[in-house]
Each structure stands twice: as structure tokens, then as C-alpha cells.
N, C-alpha and C. Protein backbone atom coordinates (compact mmCIF):
# COMPACT_ATOMS: atom_id res chain seq x y z
N MET A 1 0.84 -1.18 0.00
CA MET A 1 0.00 0.00 0.00
C MET A 1 0.88 1.24 0.00
N GLY A 2 0.37 2.31 -0.61
CA GLY A 2 1.12 3.55 -0.67
C GLY A 2 1.05 4.33 0.63
N ARG A 3 1.40 5.56 0.54
CA ARG A 3 1.38 6.45 1.70
C ARG A 3 0.03 7.16 1.78
N ASN A 4 -0.16 7.86 2.88
CA ASN A 4 -1.37 8.62 3.13
C ASN A 4 -1.00 10.06 3.39
N TRP A 5 -1.81 10.97 2.89
CA TRP A 5 -1.49 12.39 2.98
C TRP A 5 -2.71 13.19 3.41
N ILE A 6 -2.45 14.29 4.08
CA ILE A 6 -3.47 15.31 4.29
C ILE A 6 -2.96 16.55 3.58
N ALA A 7 -3.81 17.06 2.69
CA ALA A 7 -3.54 18.31 1.99
C ALA A 7 -4.47 19.36 2.58
N VAL A 8 -4.08 20.61 2.47
CA VAL A 8 -4.85 21.69 3.07
C VAL A 8 -5.19 22.74 2.01
N ALA A 9 -6.47 23.08 1.93
CA ALA A 9 -6.94 24.12 1.01
C ALA A 9 -8.34 24.55 1.43
N ALA A 10 -8.71 25.75 1.03
CA ALA A 10 -10.07 26.23 1.29
C ALA A 10 -11.08 25.31 0.61
N ALA A 11 -12.22 25.15 1.23
CA ALA A 11 -13.25 24.23 0.72
C ALA A 11 -13.66 24.57 -0.71
N GLU A 12 -13.76 25.85 -1.05
CA GLU A 12 -14.16 26.21 -2.41
C GLU A 12 -13.14 25.71 -3.43
N HIS A 13 -11.85 25.73 -3.09
CA HIS A 13 -10.82 25.23 -4.00
C HIS A 13 -10.87 23.71 -4.08
N VAL A 14 -11.10 23.06 -2.96
CA VAL A 14 -11.18 21.60 -2.96
C VAL A 14 -12.37 21.14 -3.81
N ARG A 15 -13.48 21.80 -3.68
CA ARG A 15 -14.68 21.43 -4.46
C ARG A 15 -14.41 21.56 -5.95
N ARG A 16 -13.66 22.59 -6.34
CA ARG A 16 -13.29 22.77 -7.75
C ARG A 16 -12.42 21.59 -8.21
N GLY A 17 -11.48 21.18 -7.37
CA GLY A 17 -10.62 20.05 -7.70
C GLY A 17 -11.38 18.74 -7.79
N ARG A 18 -12.31 18.54 -6.87
CA ARG A 18 -13.14 17.32 -6.92
C ARG A 18 -13.91 17.26 -8.23
N ALA A 19 -14.51 18.38 -8.62
CA ALA A 19 -15.30 18.42 -9.85
C ALA A 19 -14.43 18.14 -11.08
N GLY A 20 -13.16 18.56 -11.02
CA GLY A 20 -12.26 18.38 -12.16
C GLY A 20 -11.37 17.16 -12.08
N GLY A 21 -11.42 16.41 -10.97
CA GLY A 21 -10.60 15.21 -10.84
C GLY A 21 -9.13 15.47 -10.59
N PHE A 22 -8.81 16.58 -9.90
CA PHE A 22 -7.41 16.90 -9.65
C PHE A 22 -7.24 17.47 -8.25
N MET A 23 -5.96 17.62 -7.86
CA MET A 23 -5.59 18.30 -6.62
C MET A 23 -4.45 19.27 -6.92
N GLN A 24 -4.38 20.33 -6.13
CA GLN A 24 -3.27 21.27 -6.13
C GLN A 24 -2.92 21.50 -4.67
N VAL A 25 -1.65 21.75 -4.39
CA VAL A 25 -1.23 22.04 -3.02
C VAL A 25 -0.23 23.19 -3.02
N CYS A 26 -0.12 23.82 -1.88
CA CYS A 26 0.91 24.83 -1.64
C CYS A 26 0.96 25.89 -2.75
N HIS A 27 -0.19 26.43 -3.08
CA HIS A 27 -0.31 27.49 -4.09
C HIS A 27 0.23 27.07 -5.45
N GLY A 28 0.04 25.78 -5.78
CA GLY A 28 0.39 25.29 -7.10
C GLY A 28 1.81 24.83 -7.30
N LYS A 29 2.58 24.68 -6.24
CA LYS A 29 3.97 24.23 -6.37
C LYS A 29 4.03 22.77 -6.82
N ALA A 30 5.02 22.46 -7.65
CA ALA A 30 5.19 21.11 -8.17
C ALA A 30 5.87 20.17 -7.18
N ALA A 31 6.86 20.67 -6.44
CA ALA A 31 7.67 19.81 -5.57
C ALA A 31 6.85 18.98 -4.58
N PRO A 32 5.89 19.56 -3.87
CA PRO A 32 5.12 18.72 -2.95
C PRO A 32 4.33 17.62 -3.68
N LEU A 33 3.83 17.93 -4.86
CA LEU A 33 3.07 16.92 -5.61
C LEU A 33 3.96 15.77 -6.08
N ARG A 34 5.25 16.02 -6.24
CA ARG A 34 6.18 14.96 -6.65
C ARG A 34 6.44 13.97 -5.52
N ARG A 35 6.18 14.36 -4.28
CA ARG A 35 6.33 13.44 -3.14
C ARG A 35 5.22 12.40 -3.13
N ILE A 36 4.11 12.74 -3.73
CA ILE A 36 2.95 11.85 -3.77
C ILE A 36 3.10 10.90 -4.95
N GLN A 37 2.72 9.65 -4.76
CA GLN A 37 2.87 8.63 -5.79
C GLN A 37 1.50 8.05 -6.19
N PRO A 38 1.40 7.49 -7.40
CA PRO A 38 0.15 6.83 -7.78
C PRO A 38 -0.23 5.77 -6.74
N GLY A 39 -1.50 5.72 -6.41
CA GLY A 39 -1.98 4.77 -5.41
C GLY A 39 -1.98 5.32 -4.00
N ASP A 40 -1.29 6.44 -3.76
CA ASP A 40 -1.33 7.07 -2.44
C ASP A 40 -2.74 7.58 -2.17
N ARG A 41 -3.09 7.62 -0.90
CA ARG A 41 -4.40 8.11 -0.49
C ARG A 41 -4.26 9.52 0.06
N VAL A 42 -5.20 10.39 -0.30
CA VAL A 42 -5.13 11.78 0.12
C VAL A 42 -6.49 12.25 0.62
N ALA A 43 -6.46 12.96 1.74
CA ALA A 43 -7.65 13.61 2.28
C ALA A 43 -7.37 15.10 2.34
N TYR A 44 -8.35 15.89 2.01
CA TYR A 44 -8.22 17.34 2.12
C TYR A 44 -8.87 17.84 3.39
N TYR A 45 -8.14 18.69 4.09
CA TYR A 45 -8.67 19.41 5.24
C TYR A 45 -8.85 20.86 4.81
N SER A 46 -10.01 21.43 5.10
CA SER A 46 -10.28 22.83 4.76
C SER A 46 -10.52 23.63 6.04
N PRO A 47 -9.59 24.53 6.36
CA PRO A 47 -9.79 25.37 7.55
C PRO A 47 -10.90 26.40 7.34
N THR A 48 -11.05 26.86 6.08
CA THR A 48 -12.05 27.87 5.76
C THR A 48 -12.84 27.44 4.51
N VAL A 49 -13.95 28.12 4.29
CA VAL A 49 -14.73 27.87 3.08
C VAL A 49 -14.10 28.57 1.89
N THR A 50 -13.72 29.84 2.08
CA THR A 50 -13.13 30.62 0.99
C THR A 50 -11.66 30.92 1.28
N PHE A 51 -10.87 30.99 0.25
CA PHE A 51 -9.45 31.27 0.39
C PHE A 51 -9.24 32.63 1.04
N GLY A 52 -8.50 32.65 2.13
CA GLY A 52 -8.23 33.88 2.85
C GLY A 52 -9.39 34.40 3.67
N GLY A 53 -10.49 33.64 3.70
CA GLY A 53 -11.68 34.08 4.42
C GLY A 53 -11.63 33.74 5.90
N LYS A 54 -12.57 34.29 6.62
CA LYS A 54 -12.70 34.00 8.05
C LYS A 54 -13.88 33.08 8.30
N ASP A 55 -14.47 32.55 7.23
CA ASP A 55 -15.61 31.65 7.30
C ASP A 55 -15.12 30.22 7.54
N ARG A 56 -15.07 29.84 8.78
CA ARG A 56 -14.49 28.56 9.17
C ARG A 56 -15.24 27.36 8.59
N ALA A 57 -14.46 26.40 8.12
CA ALA A 57 -14.99 25.10 7.70
C ALA A 57 -14.52 24.05 8.70
N GLN A 58 -13.21 24.02 8.95
CA GLN A 58 -12.58 23.07 9.86
C GLN A 58 -13.10 21.65 9.64
N SER A 59 -13.06 21.23 8.38
CA SER A 59 -13.61 19.94 7.98
C SER A 59 -12.73 19.25 6.96
N PHE A 60 -12.87 17.92 6.92
CA PHE A 60 -12.30 17.16 5.82
C PHE A 60 -13.31 17.29 4.68
N THR A 61 -12.83 17.72 3.51
CA THR A 61 -13.74 18.05 2.42
C THR A 61 -13.62 17.17 1.18
N ALA A 62 -12.62 16.32 1.12
CA ALA A 62 -12.48 15.39 0.00
C ALA A 62 -11.52 14.28 0.40
N ILE A 63 -11.69 13.14 -0.24
CA ILE A 63 -10.79 12.01 0.01
C ILE A 63 -10.74 11.17 -1.26
N GLY A 64 -9.54 10.69 -1.59
CA GLY A 64 -9.41 9.93 -2.83
C GLY A 64 -8.07 9.23 -2.94
N VAL A 65 -7.84 8.69 -4.14
CA VAL A 65 -6.63 7.92 -4.45
C VAL A 65 -5.96 8.57 -5.65
N VAL A 66 -4.66 8.80 -5.54
CA VAL A 66 -3.89 9.46 -6.60
C VAL A 66 -3.79 8.55 -7.81
N ARG A 67 -4.07 9.13 -8.97
CA ARG A 67 -4.03 8.38 -10.24
C ARG A 67 -2.59 8.30 -10.77
N ASP A 68 -2.40 7.43 -11.74
CA ASP A 68 -1.09 7.18 -12.33
C ASP A 68 -0.78 8.21 -13.43
N ARG A 69 -0.45 9.41 -13.00
CA ARG A 69 -0.03 10.47 -13.91
C ARG A 69 0.84 11.43 -13.12
N ASP A 70 1.95 11.83 -13.72
CA ASP A 70 2.86 12.76 -13.07
C ASP A 70 2.19 14.13 -12.89
N PRO A 71 2.70 14.94 -11.96
CA PRO A 71 2.19 16.31 -11.83
C PRO A 71 2.37 17.05 -13.16
N TYR A 72 1.43 17.93 -13.46
CA TYR A 72 1.45 18.65 -14.73
C TYR A 72 1.01 20.10 -14.51
N PRO A 73 1.56 21.03 -15.33
CA PRO A 73 1.15 22.43 -15.21
C PRO A 73 -0.21 22.64 -15.87
N PHE A 74 -0.97 23.59 -15.33
CA PHE A 74 -2.28 23.91 -15.90
C PHE A 74 -2.45 25.43 -15.89
N ASP A 75 -2.68 25.99 -17.06
CA ASP A 75 -2.82 27.44 -17.18
C ASP A 75 -4.22 27.87 -16.76
N MET A 76 -4.28 28.57 -15.63
CA MET A 76 -5.57 29.04 -15.13
C MET A 76 -5.86 30.48 -15.57
N GLY A 77 -4.97 31.04 -16.37
CA GLY A 77 -5.16 32.40 -16.86
C GLY A 77 -4.52 33.43 -15.95
N GLY A 78 -4.33 34.59 -16.47
CA GLY A 78 -3.75 35.68 -15.70
C GLY A 78 -2.32 35.43 -15.28
N GLY A 79 -1.63 34.53 -15.97
CA GLY A 79 -0.25 34.22 -15.63
C GLY A 79 -0.07 33.19 -14.53
N PHE A 80 -1.18 32.66 -14.01
CA PHE A 80 -1.10 31.65 -12.93
C PHE A 80 -1.12 30.26 -13.56
N VAL A 81 -0.01 29.53 -13.40
CA VAL A 81 0.12 28.19 -13.97
C VAL A 81 0.54 27.23 -12.86
N PRO A 82 -0.44 26.77 -12.05
CA PRO A 82 -0.13 25.85 -10.96
C PRO A 82 0.07 24.43 -11.49
N PHE A 83 0.69 23.60 -10.66
CA PHE A 83 0.82 22.19 -10.97
C PHE A 83 -0.33 21.44 -10.32
N ARG A 84 -0.78 20.40 -11.02
CA ARG A 84 -1.87 19.58 -10.55
C ARG A 84 -1.47 18.11 -10.58
N ARG A 85 -2.24 17.33 -9.86
CA ARG A 85 -2.08 15.87 -9.86
C ARG A 85 -3.49 15.30 -9.94
N ASP A 86 -3.70 14.28 -10.78
CA ASP A 86 -5.02 13.68 -10.94
C ASP A 86 -5.34 12.75 -9.78
N VAL A 87 -6.60 12.80 -9.34
CA VAL A 87 -7.07 12.01 -8.20
C VAL A 87 -8.42 11.39 -8.54
N ALA A 88 -8.61 10.14 -8.16
CA ALA A 88 -9.92 9.49 -8.23
C ALA A 88 -10.62 9.77 -6.90
N TRP A 89 -11.49 10.77 -6.90
CA TRP A 89 -12.17 11.16 -5.66
C TRP A 89 -13.25 10.16 -5.31
N LEU A 90 -13.38 9.88 -4.03
CA LEU A 90 -14.38 8.93 -3.54
C LEU A 90 -15.64 9.69 -3.14
N ASP A 91 -16.75 8.97 -3.14
CA ASP A 91 -17.98 9.55 -2.61
C ASP A 91 -17.83 9.65 -1.09
N GLY A 92 -18.23 10.74 -0.55
CA GLY A 92 -18.16 10.95 0.89
C GLY A 92 -18.70 12.32 1.23
N VAL A 93 -19.02 12.51 2.48
CA VAL A 93 -19.57 13.80 2.93
C VAL A 93 -18.50 14.59 3.68
N GLU A 94 -18.59 15.90 3.55
CA GLU A 94 -17.68 16.76 4.29
C GLU A 94 -17.92 16.55 5.77
N THR A 95 -16.81 16.41 6.52
CA THR A 95 -16.88 15.99 7.92
C THR A 95 -16.03 16.88 8.83
N PRO A 96 -16.62 17.41 9.89
CA PRO A 96 -15.85 18.24 10.82
C PRO A 96 -14.70 17.46 11.45
N ILE A 97 -13.58 18.13 11.66
CA ILE A 97 -12.41 17.49 12.25
C ILE A 97 -12.54 17.34 13.77
N GLN A 98 -13.23 18.27 14.42
CA GLN A 98 -13.27 18.33 15.88
C GLN A 98 -13.58 16.99 16.55
N PRO A 99 -14.62 16.24 16.12
CA PRO A 99 -14.91 14.97 16.80
C PRO A 99 -13.84 13.88 16.60
N LEU A 100 -12.92 14.10 15.66
CA LEU A 100 -11.89 13.10 15.36
C LEU A 100 -10.55 13.38 16.03
N LEU A 101 -10.37 14.58 16.55
CA LEU A 101 -9.06 15.00 17.04
C LEU A 101 -8.45 14.07 18.09
N ASP A 102 -9.24 13.53 18.98
CA ASP A 102 -8.71 12.64 20.02
C ASP A 102 -8.38 11.25 19.51
N ARG A 103 -8.81 10.93 18.29
CA ARG A 103 -8.59 9.59 17.74
C ARG A 103 -7.59 9.54 16.59
N LEU A 104 -7.26 10.69 16.02
CA LEU A 104 -6.28 10.73 14.94
C LEU A 104 -4.87 10.70 15.51
N ASP A 105 -4.01 9.86 14.93
CA ASP A 105 -2.62 9.76 15.41
C ASP A 105 -1.91 11.11 15.40
N PHE A 106 -2.12 11.92 14.35
CA PHE A 106 -1.37 13.16 14.24
C PHE A 106 -1.85 14.24 15.22
N SER A 107 -3.03 14.05 15.83
CA SER A 107 -3.54 15.11 16.70
C SER A 107 -3.86 14.67 18.13
N ALA A 108 -3.98 13.37 18.37
CA ALA A 108 -4.36 12.90 19.71
C ALA A 108 -3.32 13.33 20.75
N GLY A 109 -3.79 14.03 21.76
CA GLY A 109 -2.92 14.48 22.83
C GLY A 109 -1.98 15.61 22.46
N VAL A 110 -2.16 16.18 21.28
CA VAL A 110 -1.29 17.25 20.81
C VAL A 110 -2.05 18.58 20.90
N LYS A 111 -1.58 19.46 21.75
CA LYS A 111 -2.26 20.74 21.96
C LYS A 111 -2.28 21.59 20.70
N ASN A 112 -1.16 21.66 20.01
CA ASN A 112 -1.05 22.49 18.80
C ASN A 112 -1.16 21.64 17.54
N TRP A 113 -2.20 20.81 17.46
CA TRP A 113 -2.38 19.89 16.33
C TRP A 113 -2.44 20.62 14.99
N GLY A 114 -2.90 21.85 14.96
CA GLY A 114 -3.04 22.58 13.71
C GLY A 114 -1.74 23.05 13.10
N TYR A 115 -0.65 22.97 13.86
CA TYR A 115 0.63 23.45 13.35
C TYR A 115 1.03 22.76 12.05
N GLN A 116 0.87 21.44 11.99
CA GLN A 116 1.25 20.68 10.79
C GLN A 116 0.49 21.14 9.56
N LEU A 117 -0.73 21.61 9.76
CA LEU A 117 -1.57 22.01 8.64
C LEU A 117 -0.98 23.21 7.89
N ARG A 118 -0.15 23.96 8.56
CA ARG A 118 0.44 25.15 7.94
C ARG A 118 1.38 24.80 6.79
N PHE A 119 1.85 23.56 6.74
CA PHE A 119 2.76 23.14 5.68
C PHE A 119 2.03 22.84 4.37
N GLY A 120 0.71 22.64 4.42
CA GLY A 120 -0.08 22.43 3.22
C GLY A 120 -0.19 20.99 2.77
N LEU A 121 0.76 20.14 3.19
CA LEU A 121 0.75 18.72 2.82
C LEU A 121 1.64 17.98 3.80
N PHE A 122 1.10 16.93 4.41
CA PHE A 122 1.93 16.12 5.30
C PHE A 122 1.41 14.69 5.32
N ALA A 123 2.33 13.76 5.59
CA ALA A 123 2.01 12.33 5.61
C ALA A 123 1.33 11.97 6.93
N VAL A 124 0.39 11.02 6.86
CA VAL A 124 -0.29 10.51 8.05
C VAL A 124 -0.31 8.99 7.99
N SER A 125 -0.70 8.39 9.09
CA SER A 125 -0.73 6.93 9.21
C SER A 125 -1.91 6.32 8.45
N ASP A 126 -1.82 5.00 8.22
CA ASP A 126 -2.95 4.26 7.65
C ASP A 126 -4.17 4.42 8.55
N HIS A 127 -3.94 4.36 9.86
CA HIS A 127 -5.04 4.51 10.82
C HIS A 127 -5.78 5.83 10.60
N ASP A 128 -5.04 6.92 10.44
CA ASP A 128 -5.68 8.22 10.24
C ASP A 128 -6.46 8.26 8.93
N ALA A 129 -5.87 7.77 7.85
CA ALA A 129 -6.56 7.78 6.56
C ALA A 129 -7.84 6.95 6.63
N ASP A 130 -7.76 5.78 7.27
CA ASP A 130 -8.94 4.92 7.39
C ASP A 130 -10.02 5.57 8.25
N LEU A 131 -9.62 6.21 9.35
CA LEU A 131 -10.57 6.87 10.24
C LEU A 131 -11.27 8.03 9.53
N ILE A 132 -10.51 8.82 8.79
CA ILE A 132 -11.10 9.94 8.05
C ILE A 132 -12.07 9.42 7.01
N ALA A 133 -11.68 8.38 6.27
CA ALA A 133 -12.57 7.80 5.26
C ALA A 133 -13.86 7.31 5.90
N GLN A 134 -13.73 6.61 7.00
CA GLN A 134 -14.91 6.08 7.70
C GLN A 134 -15.82 7.23 8.14
N ALA A 135 -15.26 8.27 8.71
CA ALA A 135 -16.05 9.42 9.17
C ALA A 135 -16.76 10.11 8.01
N MET A 136 -16.12 10.10 6.84
CA MET A 136 -16.71 10.74 5.66
C MET A 136 -17.69 9.83 4.94
N GLY A 137 -17.77 8.56 5.37
CA GLY A 137 -18.65 7.61 4.70
C GLY A 137 -18.10 7.16 3.36
N ALA A 138 -16.79 7.19 3.23
CA ALA A 138 -16.12 6.80 1.98
C ALA A 138 -15.43 5.46 2.16
N ALA A 139 -15.23 4.76 1.07
CA ALA A 139 -14.56 3.46 1.11
C ALA A 139 -13.43 3.45 0.09
N PHE A 140 -12.21 3.24 0.59
CA PHE A 140 -11.07 3.10 -0.32
C PHE A 140 -11.19 1.77 -1.06
N PRO A 141 -10.78 1.73 -2.33
CA PRO A 141 -10.75 0.45 -3.02
C PRO A 141 -9.75 -0.48 -2.38
N VAL A 142 -10.06 -1.75 -2.39
CA VAL A 142 -9.15 -2.75 -1.82
C VAL A 142 -8.05 -2.99 -2.83
N PRO A 143 -6.78 -2.83 -2.42
CA PRO A 143 -5.69 -3.05 -3.37
C PRO A 143 -5.63 -4.51 -3.81
N ALA A 144 -5.20 -4.70 -5.04
CA ALA A 144 -5.08 -6.07 -5.56
C ALA A 144 -4.06 -6.83 -4.75
N GLN A 145 -4.38 -8.06 -4.42
CA GLN A 145 -3.48 -8.92 -3.67
C GLN A 145 -2.68 -9.80 -4.64
N PRO A 146 -1.41 -10.06 -4.35
CA PRO A 146 -0.63 -10.93 -5.24
C PRO A 146 -1.21 -12.34 -5.23
N VAL A 147 -1.12 -12.98 -6.36
CA VAL A 147 -1.59 -14.35 -6.49
C VAL A 147 -0.47 -15.29 -6.07
N LEU A 148 -0.76 -16.16 -5.12
CA LEU A 148 0.23 -17.13 -4.66
C LEU A 148 -0.01 -18.45 -5.37
N LEU A 149 1.03 -18.98 -5.96
CA LEU A 149 0.91 -20.27 -6.67
C LEU A 149 1.52 -21.39 -5.88
């Protein structure tokens, strides 16, 4: 199994990515997306609804599996050309983080749990990815098992 990631973006941006089948992180930088590999699982956390807004979301807003395509630039106009990575988004509902904080490995017993979110992308345990998926009502596909002869 691959790695698990939490990416951070405003809910309005995450919703745009879900609709288009892609993700962007860290204001469109390519380097963080290169750390992610096909088959890795990613959940988005949205601190706000709108970028730079004070309208709190504090929720997991998307969850999916990274597709087999390298990061690529995408011209959004006005000279902004962020890098994207394709994701197979799962069905699931946006879910507040607060009820999960005591059960997530990255935040349980950690007073300043939000500090990691400032990096925009960080790795988490299988336990955390599974717990977030369960809370969102999403189901990761079962990876193919090797055939033993």
C-alpha cells in the first residue's frame, strides 16, 4: 500500500478540484506533488470555506486515491500556472475534524495539532486515513493482492 497524505486548502478550491478530478497544493507548487505517488491516499482538510476568508470550515472536504499520472502544469489564466495531480475522488460527505481530534494519530494528545496544517501537505498513518474515510462515509478500493501459486 502507498502512503497517506493530508492536503490543506479552502473548501471552495477543494470542491473545484473534486469536480475536475485533480488536486493542487501549496499554491500550485510542483515539488510537494512529486512526493505523492500513484496509489497514495489523500484527504483534504479545509480550515475555511473561501481562500483567505474568516468563514471557518474546519472539515475534511475530499478524500481519494492518486491516479497514475505525473504532476502537470495547468494554465488558469492571468499568468497563474499551478501544478496539478489527478485524483480518483471517492464519494463521501464533508466531515468536521473536531470529533476526530482525540482519535487521529497526528492530533491525539497534541495541543497544537493545527501546526502541521500550515505546511499544506503532510504524511499521516494508515489509521488516520482509514478513520477519516470512515467518518466521511467513503470506502477506499481494496488493493489487488498478489496471487500465490
